[in-house]
Amino acid sequence: MSAIDDLPPLREVIRQHALSARKSLGQNFLLDLNLTARIARAAAPLDESTIVEIGPGPGGLTRALLALGARRVIAIEHDERAIPPLQDISARYPGRLEIVHGDAMTFDPRPLLDGGKAKIVANLPYNIATQLLIGWLTAEPWPPWYEMMVLMFQREVAERIVARETDEAYGRLGVLANWRAETKILFDIAPSAFVPPPKVTSSVVRLVPRANPLACDRRLLEQVAAAAFGQRRKMLRQSLKSLQADPARLAAAAGVDATRRAETIPISGFVAMARELADIRSEEA
């Protein structure tokens, strides 16, 4: 018996279903049910919540979410080998687990939500984690269909997500993530907790969407950040030239000198530059 329910321990589940982790799918199975429960609790309150989980694998986090009271879990799993153990969990929690055999990169869960909100909780496959996150952060309309994300990333990626100006990891991802969400690293998980153990430490990050991010065109914000950080060691007067707009005018809109570098500019400064870029392009139209 496991620590959270009367289903078999995860090692037994993996052995029973010959569910070895595949590197091609970015799989690293988290087998400690105490840790999966800790991740689930980070998305509290779970009562009455609908959870969207990506890549549940043998179902450790799925079980924790259900055992701790999630009303409904929509589990999106690409690996057909993981479907039978998930079906065992569904039988244990009848009517509360919906299994979707599909690709999270293309599957849209919104039609399953009946117009309601969900929370995204997942030990994301490392090979698509950042792409998935960017997709969720660029969702339109905003506020999005989810009310919270509790996600596991490689520690290096987690640091980029929460980074702000002057942080070494600050870049395009930090601008986008912190413009649209409140971000926080909650805790780390050592490689030894996984099968197979990855070469890096993992971190669990919580992102809560901001109801009213600073107003600007998201695509222009992304363009400004991409230009500025694309040549991050150069001053804005050089790095922003690729936007085909006067770098000095853009920097002035942000209230900074064009000799500054991207990593010193706060998110509000990038927003101001995106607004100015919109004005410049409308003048040219």
C-alpha atoms as a PDB file:
ATOM      1  CA  MET A   1       0.000   0.000   0.000  1.00  0.00           C
ATOM      2  CA  SER A   2       1.269   3.469  -0.855  1.00  0.00           C
ATOM      3  CA  ALA A   3       1.364   6.477   1.436  1.00  0.00           C
ATOM      4  CA  ILE A   4      -1.603   8.208  -0.206  1.00  0.00           C
ATOM      5  CA  ASP A   5      -3.981   5.484  -1.420  1.00  0.00           C
ATOM      6  CA  ASP A   6      -4.435   1.722  -1.667  1.00  0.00           C
ATOM      7  CA  LEU A   7      -3.008   1.419  -5.176  1.00  0.00           C
ATOM      8  CA  PRO A   8       0.356  -0.352  -5.643  1.00  0.00           C
ATOM      9  CA  PRO A   9       3.653   1.536  -5.155  1.00  0.00           C
ATOM     10  CA  LEU A  10       4.865   3.241  -8.310  1.00  0.00           C
ATOM     11  CA  ARG A  11       7.894   0.984  -8.698  1.00  0.00           C
ATOM     12  CA  GLU A  12       5.521  -1.985  -8.824  1.00  0.00           C
ATOM     13  CA  VAL A  13       3.308  -0.171 -11.347  1.00  0.00           C
ATOM     14  CA  ILE A  14       6.299   0.511 -13.597  1.00  0.00           C
ATOM     15  CA  ARG A  15       7.453  -3.095 -13.326  1.00  0.00           C
ATOM     16  CA  GLN A  16       3.983  -4.492 -13.975  1.00  0.00           C
ATOM     17  CA  HIS A  17       3.497  -2.402 -17.119  1.00  0.00           C
ATOM     18  CA  ALA A  18       7.144  -2.475 -18.306  1.00  0.00           C
ATOM     19  CA  LEU A  19       7.030   1.313 -18.285  1.00  0.00           C
ATOM     20  CA  SER A  20      10.693   2.246 -18.681  1.00  0.00           C
ATOM     21  CA  ALA A  21      11.342   5.968 -19.116  1.00  0.00           C
ATOM     22  CA  ARG A  22      12.133   7.029 -22.661  1.00  0.00           C
ATOM     23  CA  LYS A  23      14.660   9.772 -23.255  1.00  0.00           C
ATOM     24  CA  SER A  24      13.021  10.615 -26.587  1.00  0.00           C
ATOM     25  CA  LEU A  25       9.871  11.608 -24.678  1.00  0.00           C
ATOM     26  CA  GLY A  26      11.764  13.592 -22.048  1.00  0.00           C
ATOM     27  CA  GLN A  27      10.580  11.162 -19.369  1.00  0.00           C
ATOM     28  CA  ASN A  28      11.931  11.056 -15.821  1.00  0.00           C
ATOM     29  CA  PHE A  29       9.497   9.349 -13.459  1.00  0.00           C
ATOM     30  CA  LEU A  30       9.064  10.811  -9.977  1.00  0.00           C
ATOM     31  CA  LEU A  31       8.351   7.805  -7.758  1.00  0.00           C
ATOM     32  CA  ASP A  32       8.274   9.354  -4.282  1.00  0.00           C
ATOM     33  CA  LEU A  33       4.582   9.802  -3.481  1.00  0.00           C
ATOM     34  CA  ASN A  34       5.464  12.181  -0.654  1.00  0.00           C
ATOM     35  CA  LEU A  35       7.038  14.493  -3.235  1.00  0.00           C
ATOM     36  CA  THR A  36       4.150  14.176  -5.675  1.00  0.00           C
ATOM     37  CA  ALA A  37       1.816  15.048  -2.809  1.00  0.00           C
ATOM     38  CA  ARG A  38       3.933  18.115  -2.037  1.00  0.00           C
ATOM     39  CA  ILE A  39       3.599  19.266  -5.647  1.00  0.00           C
ATOM     40  CA  ALA A  40      -0.149  18.666  -5.544  1.00  0.00           C
ATOM     41  CA  ARG A  41      -0.521  20.657  -2.314  1.00  0.00           C
ATOM     42  CA  ALA A  42       1.265  23.589  -3.987  1.00  0.00           C
ATOM     43  CA  ALA A  43      -1.836  23.969  -6.174  1.00  0.00           C
ATOM     44  CA  ALA A  44      -4.177  24.171  -3.173  1.00  0.00           C
ATOM     45  CA  PRO A  45      -7.012  24.538  -2.706  1.00  0.00           C
ATOM     46  CA  LEU A  46      -7.768  21.427  -4.731  1.00  0.00           C
ATOM     47  CA  ASP A  47     -11.371  20.931  -3.651  1.00  0.00           C
ATOM     48  CA  GLU A  48     -13.714  21.750  -6.524  1.00  0.00           C
ATOM     49  CA  SER A  49     -10.705  22.265  -8.827  1.00  0.00           C
ATOM     50  CA  THR A  50     -10.266  20.901 -12.324  1.00  0.00           C
ATOM     51  CA  ILE A  51      -6.640  20.016 -12.966  1.00  0.00           C
ATOM     52  CA  VAL A  52      -4.953  19.684 -16.345  1.00  0.00           C
ATOM     53  CA  GLU A  53      -1.900  17.431 -16.028  1.00  0.00           C
ATOM     54  CA  ILE A  54       0.672  16.965 -18.786  1.00  0.00           C
ATOM     55  CA  GLY A  55       2.660  13.744 -19.118  1.00  0.00           C
ATOM     56  CA  PRO A  56       1.383  11.844 -16.068  1.00  0.00           C
ATOM     57  CA  GLY A  57       3.428   8.732 -16.882  1.00  0.00           C
ATOM     58  CA  PRO A  58       2.772   6.043 -14.248  1.00  0.00           C
ATOM     59  CA  GLY A  59       0.478   8.461 -12.422  1.00  0.00           C
ATOM     60  CA  GLY A  60       2.238   9.448  -9.213  1.00  0.00           C
ATOM     61  CA  LEU A  61       1.183  13.084  -9.384  1.00  0.00           C
ATOM     62  CA  THR A  62      -2.234  12.088 -10.742  1.00  0.00           C
ATOM     63  CA  ARG A  63      -2.845   9.934  -7.682  1.00  0.00           C
ATOM     64  CA  ALA A  64      -1.710  12.683  -5.332  1.00  0.00           C
ATOM     65  CA  LEU A  65      -4.033  15.222  -6.925  1.00  0.00           C
ATOM     66  CA  LEU A  66      -7.020  12.891  -6.684  1.00  0.00           C
ATOM     67  CA  ALA A  67      -6.213  11.662  -3.184  1.00  0.00           C
ATOM     68  CA  LEU A  68      -5.901  15.238  -1.954  1.00  0.00           C
ATOM     69  CA  GLY A  69      -9.316  16.179  -3.260  1.00  0.00           C
ATOM     70  CA  ALA A  70      -9.134  17.427  -6.851  1.00  0.00           C
ATOM     71  CA  ARG A  71     -12.644  17.227  -8.236  1.00  0.00           C
ATOM     72  CA  ARG A  72     -11.434  16.320 -11.715  1.00  0.00           C
ATOM     73  CA  VAL A  73      -8.109  15.624 -13.395  1.00  0.00           C
ATOM     74  CA  ILE A  74      -7.658  15.784 -17.170  1.00  0.00           C
ATOM     75  CA  ALA A  75      -4.461  13.838 -17.855  1.00  0.00           C
ATOM     76  CA  ILE A  76      -2.857  14.319 -21.285  1.00  0.00           C
ATOM     77  CA  GLU A  77      -0.447  11.491 -22.055  1.00  0.00           C
ATOM     78  CA  HIS A  78       1.425  10.968 -25.326  1.00  0.00           C
ATOM     79  CA  ASP A  79       2.930   7.582 -24.397  1.00  0.00           C
ATOM     80  CA  GLU A  80       0.392   4.821 -25.046  1.00  0.00           C
ATOM     81  CA  ARG A  81       2.250   2.524 -22.632  1.00  0.00           C
ATOM     82  CA  ALA A  82       1.125   4.760 -19.752  1.00  0.00           C
ATOM     83  CA  ILE A  83      -2.578   4.499 -20.563  1.00  0.00           C
ATOM     84  CA  PRO A  84      -3.228   1.151 -18.758  1.00  0.00           C
ATOM     85  CA  PRO A  85      -1.816   2.293 -15.370  1.00  0.00           C
ATOM     86  CA  LEU A  86      -3.790   5.525 -15.709  1.00  0.00           C
ATOM     87  CA  GLN A  87      -6.911   3.460 -16.344  1.00  0.00           C
ATOM     88  CA  ASP A  88      -6.232   1.632 -13.073  1.00  0.00           C
ATOM     89  CA  ILE A  89      -6.196   4.998 -11.309  1.00  0.00           C
ATOM     90  CA  SER A  90      -9.415   5.982 -13.056  1.00  0.00           C
ATOM     91  CA  ALA A  91     -11.075   2.832 -11.721  1.00  0.00           C
ATOM     92  CA  ARG A  92      -9.929   3.711  -8.205  1.00  0.00           C
ATOM     93  CA  TYR A  93     -11.323   7.256  -8.512  1.00  0.00           C
ATOM     94  CA  PRO A  94     -14.428   6.725 -10.677  1.00  0.00           C
ATOM     95  CA  GLY A  95     -15.682   9.705 -12.618  1.00  0.00           C
ATOM     96  CA  ARG A  96     -12.807  11.975 -11.603  1.00  0.00           C
ATOM     97  CA  LEU A  97      -9.993  11.145 -14.047  1.00  0.00           C
ATOM     98  CA  GLU A  98     -10.288  11.859 -17.749  1.00  0.00           C
ATOM     99  CA  ILE A  99      -7.449  10.334 -19.776  1.00  0.00           C
ATOM    100  CA  VAL A 100      -6.524  11.958 -23.078  1.00  0.00           C
ATOM    101  CA  HIS A 101      -4.135  10.004 -25.298  1.00  0.00           C
ATOM    102  CA  GLY A 102      -2.635  12.879 -27.264  1.00  0.00           C
ATOM    103  CA  ASP A 103       0.148  15.398 -27.768  1.00  0.00           C
ATOM    104  CA  ALA A 104       0.137  18.267 -25.270  1.00  0.00           C
ATOM    105  CA  MET A 105       1.814  20.499 -27.856  1.00  0.00           C
ATOM    106  CA  THR A 106      -1.294  20.438 -30.021  1.00  0.00           C
ATOM    107  CA  PHE A 107      -4.132  19.397 -27.695  1.00  0.00           C
ATOM    108  CA  ASP A 108      -6.443  22.178 -26.512  1.00  0.00           C
ATOM    109  CA  PRO A 109      -8.130  21.300 -23.191  1.00  0.00           C
ATOM    110  CA  ARG A 110     -10.524  24.259 -23.233  1.00  0.00           C
ATOM    111  CA  PRO A 111     -13.433  22.389 -24.860  1.00  0.00           C
ATOM    112  CA  LEU A 112     -13.335  19.972 -21.903  1.00  0.00           C
ATOM    113  CA  LEU A 113     -13.684  22.753 -19.320  1.00  0.00           C
ATOM    114  CA  ASP A 114     -17.270  23.800 -20.118  1.00  0.00           C
ATOM    115  CA  GLY A 115     -16.269  27.446 -19.895  1.00  0.00           C
ATOM    116  CA  GLY A 116     -14.760  27.038 -16.425  1.00  0.00           C
ATOM    117  CA  LYS A 117     -11.225  27.593 -15.177  1.00  0.00           C
ATOM    118  CA  ALA A 118      -8.578  24.971 -14.523  1.00  0.00           C
ATOM    119  CA  LYS A 119      -5.191  24.668 -12.869  1.00  0.00           C
ATOM    120  CA  ILE A 120      -2.240  23.233 -14.779  1.00  0.00           C
ATOM    121  CA  VAL A 121      -0.147  20.948 -12.576  1.00  0.00           C
ATOM    122  CA  ALA A 122       2.602  18.846 -14.117  1.00  0.00           C
ATOM    123  CA  ASN A 123       6.018  17.314 -14.003  1.00  0.00           C
ATOM    124  CA  LEU A 124       6.648  18.511 -17.552  1.00  0.00           C
ATOM    125  CA  PRO A 125       8.703  16.484 -20.023  1.00  0.00           C
ATOM    126  CA  TYR A 126      11.998  18.360 -20.132  1.00  0.00           C
ATOM    127  CA  ASN A 127      12.206  18.387 -23.926  1.00  0.00           C
ATOM    128  CA  ILE A 128       8.998  20.401 -24.424  1.00  0.00           C
ATOM    129  CA  ALA A 129       8.622  22.198 -21.090  1.00  0.00           C
ATOM    130  CA  THR A 130       9.647  25.686 -22.227  1.00  0.00           C
ATOM    131  CA  GLN A 131       7.599  25.478 -25.441  1.00  0.00           C
ATOM    132  CA  LEU A 132       4.507  24.501 -23.473  1.00  0.00           C
ATOM    133  CA  LEU A 133       5.013  27.310 -20.993  1.00  0.00           C
ATOM    134  CA  ILE A 134       5.404  29.942 -23.716  1.00  0.00           C
ATOM    135  CA  GLY A 135       2.235  28.664 -25.335  1.00  0.00           C
ATOM    136  CA  TRP A 136       0.321  29.106 -22.073  1.00  0.00           C
ATOM    137  CA  LEU A 137       1.832  32.535 -21.412  1.00  0.00           C
ATOM    138  CA  THR A 138       0.878  33.788 -24.861  1.00  0.00           C
ATOM    139  CA  ALA A 139      -2.709  32.529 -24.651  1.00  0.00           C
ATOM    140  CA  GLU A 140      -5.371  34.889 -25.934  1.00  0.00           C
ATOM    141  CA  PRO A 141      -7.664  36.289 -24.732  1.00  0.00           C
ATOM    142  CA  TRP A 142      -6.136  37.241 -21.389  1.00  0.00           C
ATOM    143  CA  PRO A 143      -6.770  36.446 -18.511  1.00  0.00           C
ATOM    144  CA  PRO A 144      -6.380  32.861 -19.740  1.00  0.00           C
ATOM    145  CA  TRP A 145      -8.374  29.669 -19.228  1.00  0.00           C
ATOM    146  CA  TYR A 146      -6.198  28.615 -16.269  1.00  0.00           C
ATOM    147  CA  GLU A 147      -6.055  30.226 -12.836  1.00  0.00           C
ATOM    148  CA  MET A 148      -2.699  28.823 -11.740  1.00  0.00           C
ATOM    149  CA  MET A 149       0.210  26.745 -12.997  1.00  0.00           C
ATOM    150  CA  VAL A 150       2.380  24.549 -10.771  1.00  0.00           C
ATOM    151  CA  LEU A 151       5.071  23.105 -12.998  1.00  0.00           C
ATOM    152  CA  MET A 152       8.377  21.307 -12.691  1.00  0.00           C
ATOM    153  CA  PHE A 153      11.358  22.396 -14.778  1.00  0.00           C
ATOM    154  CA  GLN A 154      15.095  21.972 -14.802  1.00  0.00           C
ATOM    155  CA  ARG A 155      16.478  24.389 -12.216  1.00  0.00           C
ATOM    156  CA  GLU A 156      18.189  26.471 -14.907  1.00  0.00           C
ATOM    157  CA  VAL A 157      14.889  26.992 -16.749  1.00  0.00           C
ATOM    158  CA  ALA A 158      13.075  27.775 -13.482  1.00  0.00           C
ATOM    159  CA  GLU A 159      15.612  30.507 -12.722  1.00  0.00           C
ATOM    160  CA  ARG A 160      15.022  32.035 -16.157  1.00  0.00           C
ATOM    161  CA  ILE A 161      11.265  32.041 -15.572  1.00  0.00           C
ATOM    162  CA  VAL A 162      11.388  33.963 -12.276  1.00  0.00           C
ATOM    163  CA  ALA A 163      14.330  36.233 -13.174  1.00  0.00           C
ATOM    164  CA  ARG A 164      13.982  40.011 -13.020  1.00  0.00           C
ATOM    165  CA  GLU A 165      16.315  42.821 -14.067  1.00  0.00           C
ATOM    166  CA  THR A 166      19.895  42.499 -12.790  1.00  0.00           C
ATOM    167  CA  ASP A 167      19.447  38.742 -12.240  1.00  0.00           C
ATOM    168  CA  GLU A 168      21.994  36.727 -14.209  1.00  0.00           C
ATOM    169  CA  ALA A 169      19.257  34.524 -15.690  1.00  0.00           C
ATOM    170  CA  TYR A 170      17.090  37.476 -16.831  1.00  0.00           C
ATOM    171  CA  GLY A 171      16.072  37.262 -20.472  1.00  0.00           C
ATOM    172  CA  ARG A 172      13.177  36.993 -22.900  1.00  0.00           C
ATOM    173  CA  LEU A 173      11.441  34.254 -20.913  1.00  0.00           C
ATOM    174  CA  GLY A 174      11.612  36.235 -17.678  1.00  0.00           C
ATOM    175  CA  VAL A 175      10.154  39.310 -19.379  1.00  0.00           C
ATOM    176  CA  LEU A 176       7.216  37.378 -20.798  1.00  0.00           C
ATOM    177  CA  ALA A 177       6.571  35.274 -17.686  1.00  0.00           C
ATOM    178  CA  ASN A 178       6.699  38.115 -15.185  1.00  0.00           C
ATOM    179  CA  TRP A 179       4.780  40.511 -17.414  1.00  0.00           C
ATOM    180  CA  ARG A 180       1.832  38.169 -17.488  1.00  0.00           C
ATOM    181  CA  ALA A 181       2.168  36.252 -14.215  1.00  0.00           C
ATOM    182  CA  GLU A 182       3.399  36.317 -10.655  1.00  0.00           C
ATOM    183  CA  THR A 183       6.164  33.733 -10.501  1.00  0.00           C
ATOM    184  CA  LYS A 184       7.911  31.916  -7.676  1.00  0.00           C
ATOM    185  CA  ILE A 185      10.219  28.927  -7.266  1.00  0.00           C
ATOM    186  CA  LEU A 186       8.648  26.861  -4.484  1.00  0.00           C
ATOM    187  CA  PHE A 187      11.199  24.108  -3.889  1.00  0.00           C
ATOM    188  CA  ASP A 188      13.854  21.953  -5.537  1.00  0.00           C
ATOM    189  CA  ILE A 189      13.852  18.208  -6.140  1.00  0.00           C
ATOM    190  CA  ALA A 190      17.125  16.300  -6.271  1.00  0.00           C
ATOM    191  CA  PRO A 191      18.008  14.090  -9.254  1.00  0.00           C
ATOM    192  CA  SER A 192      17.968  11.015  -6.993  1.00  0.00           C
ATOM    193  CA  ALA A 193      14.177  11.290  -6.637  1.00  0.00           C
ATOM    194  CA  PHE A 194      13.682  10.353 -10.308  1.00  0.00           C
ATOM    195  CA  VAL A 195      13.976   7.214 -12.394  1.00  0.00           C
ATOM    196  CA  PRO A 196      16.202   7.552 -14.302  1.00  0.00           C
ATOM    197  CA  PRO A 197      17.897  10.355 -12.370  1.00  0.00           C
ATOM    198  CA  PRO A 198      18.453  13.420 -14.582  1.00  0.00           C
ATOM    199  CA  LYS A 199      21.821  15.163 -14.572  1.00  0.00           C
ATOM    200  CA  VAL A 200      20.320  18.344 -13.109  1.00  0.00           C
ATOM    201  CA  THR A 201      18.273  19.495 -10.140  1.00  0.00           C
ATOM    202  CA  SER A 202      14.596  20.170 -10.806  1.00  0.00           C
ATOM    203  CA  SER A 203      12.492  23.026  -9.430  1.00  0.00           C
ATOM    204  CA  VAL A 204       8.762  23.424  -8.912  1.00  0.00           C
ATOM    205  CA  VAL A 205       7.500  26.829 -10.048  1.00  0.00           C
ATOM    206  CA  ARG A 206       4.136  28.453  -9.390  1.00  0.00           C
ATOM    207  CA  LEU A 207       2.768  30.977 -11.892  1.00  0.00           C
ATOM    208  CA  VAL A 208      -0.432  32.919 -11.198  1.00  0.00           C
ATOM    209  CA  PRO A 209      -1.767  34.951 -14.145  1.00  0.00           C
ATOM    210  CA  ARG A 210      -2.013  38.699 -13.619  1.00  0.00           C
ATOM    211  CA  ALA A 211      -5.577  39.849 -14.243  1.00  0.00           C
ATOM    212  CA  ASN A 212      -4.338  43.148 -15.698  1.00  0.00           C
ATOM    213  CA  PRO A 213      -0.759  43.035 -17.044  1.00  0.00           C
ATOM    214  CA  LEU A 214       0.731  46.358 -18.139  1.00  0.00           C
ATOM    215  CA  ALA A 215      -1.018  47.169 -21.405  1.00  0.00           C
ATOM    216  CA  CYS A 216       0.891  46.626 -24.648  1.00  0.00           C
ATOM    217  CA  ASP A 217       0.863  44.498 -27.773  1.00  0.00           C
ATOM    218  CA  ARG A 218       2.233  41.106 -26.721  1.00  0.00           C
ATOM    219  CA  ARG A 219       3.841  40.410 -30.074  1.00  0.00           C
ATOM    220  CA  LEU A 220       5.678  43.729 -30.050  1.00  0.00           C
ATOM    221  CA  LEU A 221       6.823  43.101 -26.488  1.00  0.00           C
ATOM    222  CA  GLU A 222       8.242  39.766 -27.605  1.00  0.00           C
ATOM    223  CA  GLN A 223       9.952  41.443 -30.560  1.00  0.00           C
ATOM    224  CA  VAL A 224      11.566  44.097 -28.380  1.00  0.00           C
ATOM    225  CA  ALA A 225      12.749  41.524 -25.839  1.00  0.00           C
ATOM    226  CA  ALA A 226      14.064  39.253 -28.599  1.00  0.00           C
ATOM    227  CA  ALA A 227      16.039  42.098 -30.157  1.00  0.00           C
ATOM    228  CA  ALA A 228      17.408  43.380 -26.863  1.00  0.00           C
ATOM    229  CA  PHE A 229      18.469  39.997 -25.507  1.00  0.00           C
ATOM    230  CA  GLY A 230      19.539  38.650 -28.883  1.00  0.00           C
ATOM    231  CA  GLN A 231      22.671  40.759 -28.433  1.00  0.00           C
ATOM    232  CA  ARG A 232      22.569  41.003 -24.658  1.00  0.00           C
ATOM    233  CA  ARG A 233      26.169  42.120 -24.274  1.00  0.00           C
ATOM    234  CA  LYS A 234      25.586  45.116 -26.517  1.00  0.00           C
ATOM    235  CA  MET A 235      23.977  48.422 -25.621  1.00  0.00           C
ATOM    236  CA  LEU A 236      20.371  49.090 -26.595  1.00  0.00           C
ATOM    237  CA  ARG A 237      21.483  51.567 -29.242  1.00  0.00           C
ATOM    238  CA  GLN A 238      23.006  48.622 -31.087  1.00  0.00           C
ATOM    239  CA  SER A 239      20.786  45.665 -30.170  1.00  0.00           C
ATOM    240  CA  LEU A 240      17.499  47.440 -30.977  1.00  0.00           C
ATOM    241  CA  LYS A 241      18.559  48.400 -34.515  1.00  0.00           C
ATOM    242  CA  SER A 242      17.049  45.159 -35.834  1.00  0.00           C
ATOM    243  CA  LEU A 243      13.576  46.567 -35.035  1.00  0.00           C
ATOM    244  CA  GLN A 244      13.981  49.176 -37.800  1.00  0.00           C
ATOM    245  CA  ALA A 245      13.179  51.927 -35.314  1.00  0.00           C
ATOM    246  CA  ASP A 246      15.271  54.603 -33.597  1.00  0.00           C
ATOM    247  CA  PRO A 247      16.852  52.863 -30.563  1.00  0.00           C
ATOM    248  CA  ALA A 248      17.276  56.195 -28.757  1.00  0.00           C
ATOM    249  CA  ARG A 249      13.564  56.931 -29.077  1.00  0.00           C
ATOM    250  CA  LEU A 250      12.660  53.481 -27.767  1.00  0.00           C
ATOM    251  CA  ALA A 251      15.066  53.780 -24.837  1.00  0.00           C
ATOM    252  CA  ALA A 252      13.776  57.259 -24.011  1.00  0.00           C
ATOM    253  CA  ALA A 253      10.246  55.872 -23.859  1.00  0.00           C
ATOM    254  CA  ALA A 254      11.477  53.456 -21.212  1.00  0.00           C
ATOM    255  CA  GLY A 255      13.111  56.289 -19.316  1.00  0.00           C
ATOM    256  CA  VAL A 256      16.626  54.927 -19.822  1.00  0.00           C
ATOM    257  CA  ASP A 257      19.691  55.834 -21.824  1.00  0.00           C
ATOM    258  CA  ALA A 258      20.404  53.907 -25.011  1.00  0.00           C
ATOM    259  CA  THR A 259      23.788  52.928 -23.579  1.00  0.00           C
ATOM    260  CA  ARG A 260      22.061  50.577 -21.133  1.00  0.00           C
ATOM    261  CA  ARG A 261      22.029  46.817 -21.696  1.00  0.00           C
ATOM    262  CA  ALA A 262      18.974  44.595 -21.820  1.00  0.00           C
ATOM    263  CA  GLU A 263      19.583  42.839 -18.505  1.00  0.00           C
ATOM    264  CA  THR A 264      19.260  46.163 -16.630  1.00  0.00           C
ATOM    265  CA  ILE A 265      15.836  47.085 -18.051  1.00  0.00           C
ATOM    266  CA  PRO A 266      12.775  46.295 -15.902  1.00  0.00           C
ATOM    267  CA  ILE A 267       9.689  44.728 -17.434  1.00  0.00           C
ATOM    268  CA  SER A 268       7.923  48.089 -17.312  1.00  0.00           C
ATOM    269  CA  GLY A 269      10.698  49.439 -19.529  1.00  0.00           C
ATOM    270  CA  PHE A 270      10.197  46.715 -22.111  1.00  0.00           C
ATOM    271  CA  VAL A 271       6.457  47.412 -22.069  1.00  0.00           C
ATOM    272  CA  ALA A 272       7.126  51.129 -22.647  1.00  0.00           C
ATOM    273  CA  MET A 273       9.399  50.308 -25.582  1.00  0.00           C
ATOM    274  CA  ALA A 274       6.761  48.006 -27.064  1.00  0.00           C
ATOM    275  CA  ARG A 275       4.185  50.801 -26.840  1.00  0.00           C
ATOM    276  CA  GLU A 276       6.581  53.241 -28.486  1.00  0.00           C
ATOM    277  CA  LEU A 277       7.328  50.744 -31.227  1.00  0.00           C
ATOM    278  CA  ALA A 278       3.584  50.483 -31.874  1.00  0.00           C
ATOM    279  CA  ASP A 279       3.418  54.281 -32.225  1.00  0.00           C
ATOM    280  CA  ILE A 280       6.375  54.331 -34.601  1.00  0.00           C
ATOM    281  CA  ARG A 281       4.862  51.687 -36.841  1.00  0.00           C
ATOM    282  CA  SER A 282       1.491  53.405 -36.881  1.00  0.00           C
ATOM    283  CA  GLU A 283       3.228  56.638 -37.933  1.00  0.00           C
ATOM    284  CA  GLU A 284       4.908  54.787 -40.772  1.00  0.00           C
ATOM    285  CA  ALA A 285       1.727  53.092 -41.951  1.00  0.00           C
END
